[in-house]
Amino acid sequence: MCIRDRSVTISQEVRFVVMGDNRPMFPVEKQPYVFYKIVEKIVELKPDAIFSTGDLILGGGNKAENDRMFDEFLKVVEKFKDIPFYIAPGNHDIEDKIESKEQYVKKFGATYKSVDIENCHFILLSSEEPGEKGKITGKQFQWLTEGLEKAKQKDHTFIFIHRPLYPKIGHIGSSLDRFPEERDKLTILLKKYNPDMVFVGHTHIFNYSVIDGLHQMITGGAGAPLYSKAPEYGGFFHFIYVIVKRKDVDYRIVPVEDEISIAADLRKKGNFQESIEVSKKAIGIMPEHPQPYLSATLGYYYLKDSLNYQKSYQKLVEKQGSENEALLNLGFTSLRIDRKIDTAEKFFKKAIEINSENFIPYYMLGGIYSTKRNYENALKYYNKALEPVSYTHLRAHETSLHLVCRLLLE
């Protein structure tokens, strides 16, 4: 696998893949099942290069936790082997501080870079520079200006950046539009040199738009939770396959079915047996990934099929790596996806029985009891969460559901 700056020379046509936003949903969750499928499909295509618009990991943890997340991502993309792989970092990859950027650079190299492949020039930008998040400004803007001038010698120029210039469906106001003056300055520069396409992520959908002559393609469907389930709003998992032949550019959307999401939708409708069958299909496709077993385990649990539940649960523990992680993921999934708060409560309490030193189940139970307006129990579990964990770590896993936890501390 190649994750570095380098010029690539091939013959005749140039074929490359673009993907973005493959991060997991939960802090204890492994890289998504559908991302594994996407990686396998990309390898089958044998492209000349692969580009990511970022958000490789959930992030938000301490250095050791983020290192673990990055290493897990790198393990998945080992299948790319010698295919050059280039990344424009996302907001989950780099926090707004120098040490976070340094951690990223050690893993993946420079945060903004360029590469030439035959008659194509590729520019990867960073919308996540510490102190400049949500902007392309300063030294990077000057570097981009010089790079675009040199790229005039090429037939095609492609730009990659995490945050959209013009967001659609979601992240409106938290993309490059957050700083409209800098965004407009960037737009004027790009329009001057007329790149073939600006590929972006951040919003977990597919969208193609032309804004006053500037072509922008949002590709945020590599595994992170989708912002829409409606295909007409770009709500499907996918990547982009691009074929360049001389002056011609062919953009192909490659949708990828996610059996885990299908099974979850069936559980929400109460079709538990059907969800189990879809989960079994996923097990056949990806037998080493824990998510299909987690999906099947929940189906059996809701059916009250205790025998098959226990069998599936043991397989989940085996694939997850520990019983504690299995229980936490069952709790997160039943709470955040299935919306079954009582079921989540049982799984998090069981996780405490297995490992009373882990702050996460206490923290989640605090949120659950807060939602139930049982504030006495909420405070009890929040206080227990504070015993083994620092305030900084608690902030790292904060969600809107459990905002009260931080408010109690400030």
Protein backbone atom coordinates (compact mmCIF):
# COMPACT_ATOMS: atom_id res chain seq x y z
CA MET A 1 0.00 0.00 0.00
CA CYS A 2 1.24 3.47 -0.87
CA ILE A 3 0.21 6.48 1.20
CA ARG A 4 2.65 9.18 0.15
CA ASP A 5 3.38 11.85 -2.44
CA ARG A 6 4.64 10.47 -5.70
CA SER A 7 4.18 10.93 -9.44
CA VAL A 8 2.71 7.91 -11.19
CA THR A 9 3.29 7.07 -14.83
CA ILE A 10 1.06 4.58 -16.60
CA SER A 11 -0.03 4.12 -20.19
CA GLN A 12 -3.07 5.38 -22.13
CA GLU A 13 -6.13 5.82 -19.87
CA VAL A 14 -6.14 6.84 -16.21
CA ARG A 15 -8.55 5.06 -13.88
CA PHE A 16 -9.03 6.21 -10.30
CA VAL A 17 -11.47 5.80 -7.41
CA VAL A 18 -12.81 8.42 -5.01
CA MET A 19 -14.44 7.61 -1.67
CA GLY A 20 -15.10 9.44 1.57
CA ASP A 21 -16.43 9.24 5.13
CA ASN A 22 -15.93 5.61 6.10
CA ARG A 23 -15.72 6.26 9.86
CA PRO A 24 -17.67 4.17 12.39
CA MET A 25 -20.70 5.47 14.28
CA PHE A 26 -19.71 4.47 17.83
CA PRO A 27 -16.44 4.92 19.79
CA VAL A 28 -16.07 1.16 20.41
CA GLU A 29 -17.18 0.09 16.92
CA LYS A 30 -14.79 -1.34 14.34
CA GLN A 31 -14.59 -0.04 10.77
CA PRO A 32 -18.02 -0.53 9.15
CA TYR A 33 -18.99 -3.77 7.42
CA VAL A 34 -19.95 -1.89 4.24
CA PHE A 35 -16.52 -0.22 4.14
CA TYR A 36 -14.92 -3.67 3.97
CA LYS A 37 -17.19 -4.43 1.01
CA ILE A 38 -16.23 -1.16 -0.67
CA VAL A 39 -12.53 -1.92 -0.25
CA GLU A 40 -12.98 -5.35 -1.85
CA LYS A 41 -14.89 -3.89 -4.81
CA ILE A 42 -12.22 -1.24 -5.34
CA VAL A 43 -9.48 -3.86 -5.36
CA GLU A 44 -11.41 -5.82 -8.00
CA LEU A 45 -11.38 -2.75 -10.27
CA LYS A 46 -7.55 -2.45 -10.06
CA PRO A 47 -7.49 1.36 -10.38
CA ASP A 48 -4.32 3.34 -10.97
CA ALA A 49 -4.92 5.39 -7.81
CA ILE A 50 -7.36 5.76 -4.93
CA PHE A 51 -8.38 9.05 -3.29
CA SER A 52 -10.24 9.64 -0.02
CA THR A 53 -11.98 12.84 1.04
CA GLY A 54 -11.32 11.97 4.68
CA ASP A 55 -13.02 11.07 7.97
CA LEU A 56 -11.18 7.78 8.25
CA ILE A 57 -11.92 7.36 11.96
CA LEU A 58 -14.43 8.53 14.56
CA GLY A 59 -11.64 10.20 16.58
CA GLY A 60 -12.30 12.23 19.67
CA GLY A 61 -10.26 10.02 21.97
CA ASN A 62 -6.81 10.46 23.46
CA LYS A 63 -3.67 9.86 21.39
CA ALA A 64 -3.52 6.14 22.15
CA GLU A 65 -7.18 5.63 21.24
CA ASN A 66 -6.86 7.59 18.00
CA ASP A 67 -3.72 5.62 17.12
CA ARG A 68 -5.73 2.42 17.59
CA MET A 69 -8.46 3.75 15.30
CA PHE A 70 -5.97 4.80 12.62
CA ASP A 71 -4.21 1.43 12.80
CA GLU A 72 -7.51 -0.38 12.42
CA PHE A 73 -8.27 1.71 9.31
CA LEU A 74 -4.82 0.96 7.90
CA LYS A 75 -5.36 -2.75 8.48
CA VAL A 76 -8.54 -2.66 6.38
CA VAL A 77 -6.89 -0.83 3.47
CA GLU A 78 -3.87 -3.14 3.44
CA LYS A 79 -5.71 -4.82 0.57
CA PHE A 80 -4.84 -1.82 -1.60
CA LYS A 81 -1.22 -3.03 -1.43
CA ASP A 82 0.75 -1.20 -4.15
CA ILE A 83 -2.12 0.96 -5.43
CA PRO A 84 -1.20 4.60 -4.65
CA PHE A 85 -3.60 5.90 -2.01
CA TYR A 86 -4.00 9.60 -1.20
CA ILE A 87 -6.08 11.25 1.53
CA ALA A 88 -7.52 14.71 2.15
CA PRO A 89 -8.00 14.73 5.95
CA GLY A 90 -11.42 15.14 7.57
CA ASN A 91 -12.57 16.83 10.75
CA HIS A 92 -12.70 13.49 12.58
CA ASP A 93 -9.07 12.81 11.59
CA ILE A 94 -7.55 16.10 12.77
CA GLU A 95 -8.79 18.08 15.74
CA ASP A 96 -8.14 21.80 15.97
CA LYS A 97 -4.74 21.44 17.65
CA ILE A 98 -1.13 20.98 16.50
CA GLU A 99 -0.54 17.62 18.24
CA SER A 100 -3.54 16.13 16.45
CA LYS A 101 -2.15 17.19 13.08
CA GLU A 102 1.28 15.80 14.01
CA GLN A 103 -0.31 12.45 14.86
CA TYR A 104 -2.05 12.39 11.47
CA VAL A 105 1.12 13.37 9.57
CA LYS A 106 3.08 10.52 11.17
CA LYS A 107 0.52 8.08 9.79
CA PHE A 108 -0.27 9.57 6.37
CA GLY A 109 2.21 12.29 5.47
CA ALA A 110 1.51 15.90 4.49
CA THR A 111 -2.03 17.19 5.01
CA TYR A 112 -2.10 18.85 1.58
CA LYS A 113 -0.25 17.54 -1.46
CA SER A 114 -0.40 17.00 -5.22
CA VAL A 115 0.38 14.19 -7.63
CA ASP A 116 0.63 13.77 -11.41
CA ILE A 117 -0.66 10.72 -13.26
CA GLU A 118 -0.18 10.89 -17.02
CA ASN A 119 -2.19 13.87 -18.33
CA CYS A 120 -3.92 14.47 -14.97
CA HIS A 121 -2.98 16.67 -12.02
CA PHE A 122 -4.51 15.85 -8.62
CA ILE A 123 -4.57 18.33 -5.73
CA LEU A 124 -5.51 17.28 -2.18
CA LEU A 125 -6.33 20.11 0.20
CA SER A 126 -6.81 20.25 3.96
CA SER A 127 -9.88 21.98 5.37
CA GLU A 128 -8.70 20.90 8.84
CA GLU A 129 -5.47 22.85 9.49
CA PRO A 130 -5.28 23.80 13.20
CA GLY A 131 -6.37 27.40 13.59
CA GLU A 132 -7.76 27.40 10.04
CA LYS A 133 -10.48 24.74 10.19
CA GLY A 134 -13.13 25.27 7.55
CA LYS A 135 -10.84 27.44 5.42
CA ILE A 136 -8.26 27.21 2.66
CA THR A 137 -6.12 30.20 3.50
CA GLY A 138 -2.60 31.44 4.23
CA LYS A 139 0.31 29.29 3.09
CA GLN A 140 -2.00 26.58 1.77
CA PHE A 141 -3.87 29.05 -0.44
CA GLN A 142 -0.60 30.35 -1.86
CA TRP A 143 0.60 26.77 -2.45
CA LEU A 144 -2.67 26.00 -4.23
CA THR A 145 -2.39 29.09 -6.43
CA GLU A 146 1.10 28.09 -7.54
CA GLY A 147 0.03 24.48 -8.09
CA LEU A 148 -2.94 25.42 -10.24
CA GLU A 149 -0.70 27.58 -12.41
CA LYS A 150 1.69 24.66 -12.97
CA ALA A 151 -1.24 22.31 -13.61
CA LYS A 152 -2.15 24.28 -16.77
CA GLN A 153 0.30 21.99 -18.57
CA LYS A 154 -2.01 19.02 -17.91
CA ASP A 155 -5.26 18.16 -19.70
CA HIS A 156 -7.17 17.54 -16.47
CA THR A 157 -7.12 18.80 -12.90
CA PHE A 158 -9.03 17.23 -10.01
CA ILE A 159 -9.39 18.74 -6.52
CA PHE A 160 -10.07 16.83 -3.28
CA ILE A 161 -11.14 18.42 -0.01
CA HIS A 162 -13.18 17.18 2.95
CA ARG A 163 -15.62 20.03 3.55
CA PRO A 164 -17.85 21.10 0.64
CA LEU A 165 -17.65 24.62 -0.70
CA TYR A 166 -21.40 24.45 -1.21
CA PRO A 167 -22.97 21.87 1.14
CA LYS A 168 -26.16 20.01 0.26
CA ILE A 169 -28.63 18.14 2.54
CA GLY A 170 -26.43 18.46 5.65
CA HIS A 171 -23.55 20.38 7.26
CA ILE A 172 -24.92 23.65 5.94
CA GLY A 173 -23.08 26.33 7.88
CA SER A 174 -20.32 23.97 9.07
CA SER A 175 -18.59 23.44 5.73
CA LEU A 176 -16.48 25.99 3.84
CA ASP A 177 -19.63 28.14 3.77
CA ARG A 178 -18.98 28.88 7.45
CA PHE A 179 -16.47 31.49 6.26
CA PRO A 180 -18.11 32.84 3.10
CA GLU A 181 -15.38 35.37 2.27
CA GLU A 182 -12.63 32.73 2.26
CA ARG A 183 -14.93 30.28 0.44
CA ASP A 184 -15.71 32.83 -2.26
CA LYS A 185 -12.02 33.66 -2.67
CA LEU A 186 -11.31 29.95 -3.15
CA THR A 187 -14.18 29.63 -5.63
CA ILE A 188 -12.87 32.53 -7.70
CA LEU A 189 -9.40 30.93 -7.80
CA LEU A 190 -10.75 27.52 -8.80
CA LYS A 191 -13.01 28.96 -11.50
CA LYS A 192 -10.03 30.83 -12.95
CA TYR A 193 -8.25 27.51 -13.58
CA ASN A 194 -11.42 25.49 -14.24
CA PRO A 195 -10.70 22.08 -12.63
CA ASP A 196 -12.66 19.13 -14.03
CA MET A 197 -14.17 18.32 -10.63
CA VAL A 198 -13.96 19.26 -6.97
CA PHE A 199 -14.52 16.08 -4.94
CA VAL A 200 -15.69 16.65 -1.34
CA GLY A 201 -17.09 14.63 1.58
CA HIS A 202 -18.29 15.60 5.09
CA THR A 203 -21.98 15.14 4.18
CA HIS A 204 -22.83 11.43 4.13
CA ILE A 205 -24.63 11.33 0.79
CA PHE A 206 -23.95 11.48 -2.95
CA ASN A 207 -24.57 14.77 -4.70
CA TYR A 208 -23.38 16.38 -7.92
CA SER A 209 -23.95 20.06 -8.49
CA VAL A 210 -22.69 22.90 -10.68
CA ILE A 211 -22.49 26.25 -8.91
CA ASP A 212 -21.85 29.13 -11.31
CA GLY A 213 -19.65 26.92 -13.47
CA LEU A 214 -17.83 25.13 -10.62
CA HIS A 215 -18.38 21.35 -10.61
CA GLN A 216 -18.66 19.82 -7.12
CA MET A 217 -19.27 16.16 -6.29
CA ILE A 218 -20.06 15.11 -2.72
CA THR A 219 -19.05 11.49 -2.10
CA GLY A 220 -19.59 10.76 1.58
CA GLY A 221 -20.97 7.24 1.37
CA ALA A 222 -18.10 4.91 2.29
CA GLY A 223 -19.52 3.65 5.58
CA ALA A 224 -20.39 6.46 8.01
CA PRO A 225 -24.09 6.81 8.95
CA LEU A 226 -26.03 8.16 5.98
CA TYR A 227 -27.76 11.52 6.27
CA SER A 228 -30.70 10.26 4.23
CA LYS A 229 -32.16 6.85 3.46
CA ALA A 230 -33.76 8.18 0.26
CA PRO A 231 -31.78 7.39 -2.93
CA GLU A 232 -33.21 10.50 -4.59
CA TYR A 233 -31.38 12.51 -1.91
CA GLY A 234 -28.15 10.60 -2.45
CA GLY A 235 -28.76 8.35 0.56
CA PHE A 236 -26.85 5.22 -0.40
CA PHE A 237 -23.40 3.77 0.22
CA HIS A 238 -21.11 4.18 -2.76
CA PHE A 239 -17.80 5.22 -4.25
CA ILE A 240 -16.90 6.96 -7.52
CA TYR A 241 -15.01 5.28 -10.35
CA VAL A 242 -13.45 7.72 -12.82
CA ILE A 243 -11.99 6.85 -16.21
CA VAL A 244 -9.96 9.44 -18.12
CA LYS A 245 -9.23 8.88 -21.82
CA ARG A 246 -7.36 11.77 -23.37
CA LYS A 247 -9.83 14.69 -23.20
CA ASP A 248 -12.78 12.56 -22.04
CA VAL A 249 -13.72 12.02 -18.36
CA ASP A 250 -16.25 9.33 -17.41
CA TYR A 251 -17.70 9.45 -13.86
CA ARG A 252 -19.38 6.28 -12.62
CA ILE A 253 -21.25 5.91 -9.33
CA VAL A 254 -20.76 2.47 -7.81
CA PRO A 255 -23.49 1.75 -5.20
CA VAL A 256 -22.70 -0.87 -2.55
CA GLU A 257 -25.44 -2.75 -0.71
CA ASP A 258 -25.21 -2.73 3.08
CA GLU A 259 -26.97 -5.76 4.55
CA ILE A 260 -26.39 -4.39 8.07
CA SER A 261 -28.49 -1.28 7.36
CA ILE A 262 -31.17 -3.38 5.66
CA ALA A 263 -31.37 -5.68 8.69
CA ALA A 264 -31.59 -2.67 11.02
CA ASP A 265 -34.50 -1.23 9.03
CA LEU A 266 -36.28 -4.59 9.27
CA ARG A 267 -35.77 -4.68 13.05
CA LYS A 268 -37.28 -1.20 13.38
CA LYS A 269 -40.38 -2.47 11.55
CA GLY A 270 -40.60 -5.51 13.85
CA ASN A 271 -39.63 -7.95 11.08
CA PHE A 272 -37.10 -9.74 13.27
CA GLN A 273 -36.97 -13.05 11.42
CA GLU A 274 -36.36 -11.28 8.11
CA SER A 275 -33.63 -9.20 9.72
CA ILE A 276 -31.96 -12.40 10.94
CA GLU A 277 -32.00 -13.85 7.41
CA VAL A 278 -30.37 -10.71 6.03
CA SER A 279 -27.81 -10.85 8.85
CA LYS A 280 -27.01 -14.47 7.92
CA LYS A 281 -26.44 -13.33 4.34
CA ALA A 282 -23.97 -10.74 5.66
CA ILE A 283 -22.20 -13.43 7.69
CA GLY A 284 -21.75 -15.42 4.49
CA ILE A 285 -20.29 -12.38 2.73
CA MET A 286 -18.03 -11.18 5.56
CA PRO A 287 -17.67 -14.03 8.10
CA GLU A 288 -14.91 -12.34 10.13
CA HIS A 289 -16.64 -9.02 10.68
CA PRO A 290 -18.55 -8.62 13.99
CA GLN A 291 -21.43 -6.46 12.69
CA PRO A 292 -23.38 -9.30 11.00
CA TYR A 293 -23.24 -11.34 14.24
CA LEU A 294 -24.31 -8.29 16.26
CA SER A 295 -27.25 -7.78 13.89
CA ALA A 296 -28.30 -11.43 14.15
CA THR A 297 -27.89 -11.41 17.94
CA LEU A 298 -30.28 -8.47 18.30
CA GLY A 299 -32.79 -10.17 16.02
CA TYR A 300 -32.79 -13.28 18.18
CA TYR A 301 -32.99 -11.17 21.33
CA TYR A 302 -36.12 -9.34 20.15
CA LEU A 303 -37.66 -12.67 19.06
CA LYS A 304 -36.96 -14.05 22.55
CA ASP A 305 -35.21 -17.02 20.90
CA SER A 306 -32.84 -17.64 23.82
CA LEU A 307 -31.09 -20.70 22.35
CA ASN A 308 -30.10 -19.04 19.08
CA TYR A 309 -29.44 -15.78 20.91
CA GLN A 310 -26.80 -17.45 23.07
CA LYS A 311 -25.16 -19.14 20.07
CA SER A 312 -25.08 -15.87 18.12
CA TYR A 313 -23.90 -13.93 21.17
CA GLN A 314 -20.91 -16.24 21.65
CA LYS A 315 -19.93 -15.82 17.99
CA LEU A 316 -20.23 -12.05 18.42
CA VAL A 317 -17.92 -12.11 21.45
CA GLU A 318 -15.41 -14.16 19.45
CA LYS A 319 -15.45 -11.78 16.47
CA GLN A 320 -15.56 -8.63 18.59
CA GLY A 321 -12.55 -9.71 20.64
CA SER A 322 -14.05 -9.39 24.12
CA GLU A 323 -17.38 -9.74 25.87
CA ASN A 324 -17.15 -6.16 27.10
CA GLU A 325 -16.88 -4.76 23.56
CA ALA A 326 -19.70 -7.04 22.40
CA LEU A 327 -22.02 -5.74 25.13
CA LEU A 328 -21.10 -2.10 24.52
CA ASN A 329 -21.82 -2.43 20.81
CA LEU A 330 -25.12 -4.19 21.53
CA GLY A 331 -25.98 -1.31 23.85
CA PHE A 332 -25.01 1.42 21.37
CA THR A 333 -26.84 -0.27 18.49
CA SER A 334 -30.05 -0.96 20.41
CA LEU A 335 -30.04 2.64 21.68
CA ARG A 336 -28.84 4.71 18.72
CA ILE A 337 -30.14 2.62 15.80
CA ASP A 338 -33.03 0.47 17.09
CA ARG A 339 -34.20 3.17 19.55
CA LYS A 340 -34.91 0.56 22.23
CA ILE A 341 -33.83 2.34 25.36
CA ASP A 342 -34.79 -0.43 27.82
CA THR A 343 -32.81 -3.01 25.83
CA ALA A 344 -29.79 -0.71 25.77
CA GLU A 345 -30.07 -0.27 29.54
CA LYS A 346 -29.84 -4.04 30.06
CA PHE A 347 -26.78 -4.40 27.81
CA PHE A 348 -24.90 -1.51 29.46
CA LYS A 349 -25.64 -2.90 32.94
CA LYS A 350 -24.32 -6.27 31.83
CA ALA A 351 -21.18 -4.55 30.51
CA ILE A 352 -20.59 -3.10 33.99
CA GLU A 353 -20.84 -6.61 35.48
CA ILE A 354 -18.11 -7.72 33.05
CA ASN A 355 -15.87 -4.68 33.52
CA SER A 356 -16.69 -2.20 36.27
CA GLU A 357 -13.63 -0.04 35.41
CA ASN A 358 -14.87 1.10 31.98
CA PHE A 359 -16.54 4.52 32.18
CA ILE A 360 -18.57 4.20 28.95
CA PRO A 361 -21.51 2.07 30.22
CA TYR A 362 -21.88 4.30 33.32
CA TYR A 363 -21.89 7.35 31.08
CA MET A 364 -24.45 5.86 28.68
CA LEU A 365 -26.69 4.77 31.57
CA GLY A 366 -26.52 8.31 32.92
CA GLY A 367 -27.87 9.52 29.60
CA ILE A 368 -30.55 6.83 29.50
CA TYR A 369 -31.85 7.70 32.98
CA SER A 370 -31.69 11.39 32.13
CA THR A 371 -33.89 10.69 29.10
CA LYS A 372 -36.28 8.79 31.37
CA ARG A 373 -36.26 11.81 33.72
CA ASN A 374 -34.94 9.59 36.48
CA TYR A 375 -32.42 12.22 37.54
CA GLU A 376 -31.39 10.50 40.76
CA ASN A 377 -30.15 7.46 38.86
CA ALA A 378 -28.73 9.67 36.11
CA LEU A 379 -26.53 11.51 38.62
CA LYS A 380 -25.51 8.24 40.25
CA TYR A 381 -24.24 6.80 36.96
CA TYR A 382 -22.64 10.06 35.82
CA ASN A 383 -20.74 10.20 39.10
CA LYS A 384 -19.62 6.61 38.62
CA ALA A 385 -18.45 7.53 35.11
CA LEU A 386 -16.22 10.24 36.56
CA GLU A 387 -14.36 7.90 38.89
CA PRO A 388 -12.18 6.05 36.35
CA VAL A 389 -11.99 8.70 33.59
CA SER A 390 -10.75 12.22 33.02
CA TYR A 391 -12.93 15.17 32.08
CA THR A 392 -11.09 15.43 28.74
CA HIS A 393 -11.89 11.81 27.88
CA LEU A 394 -15.52 12.37 28.80
CA ARG A 395 -15.72 15.33 26.40
CA ALA A 396 -14.24 13.14 23.67
CA HIS A 397 -17.29 10.86 23.71
CA GLU A 398 -19.94 13.49 24.27
CA THR A 399 -23.16 13.25 22.28
CA SER A 400 -26.14 15.59 22.20
CA LEU A 401 -28.14 13.00 24.13
CA HIS A 402 -25.73 13.22 27.07
CA LEU A 403 -24.88 16.91 26.99
CA VAL A 404 -26.22 17.20 30.55
CA CYS A 405 -23.17 15.22 31.72
CA ARG A 406 -20.81 18.01 30.73
CA LEU A 407 -23.13 20.75 31.94
CA LEU A 408 -23.02 19.21 35.40
CA LEU A 409 -19.24 19.51 35.38
CA GLU A 410 -18.89 23.08 34.12
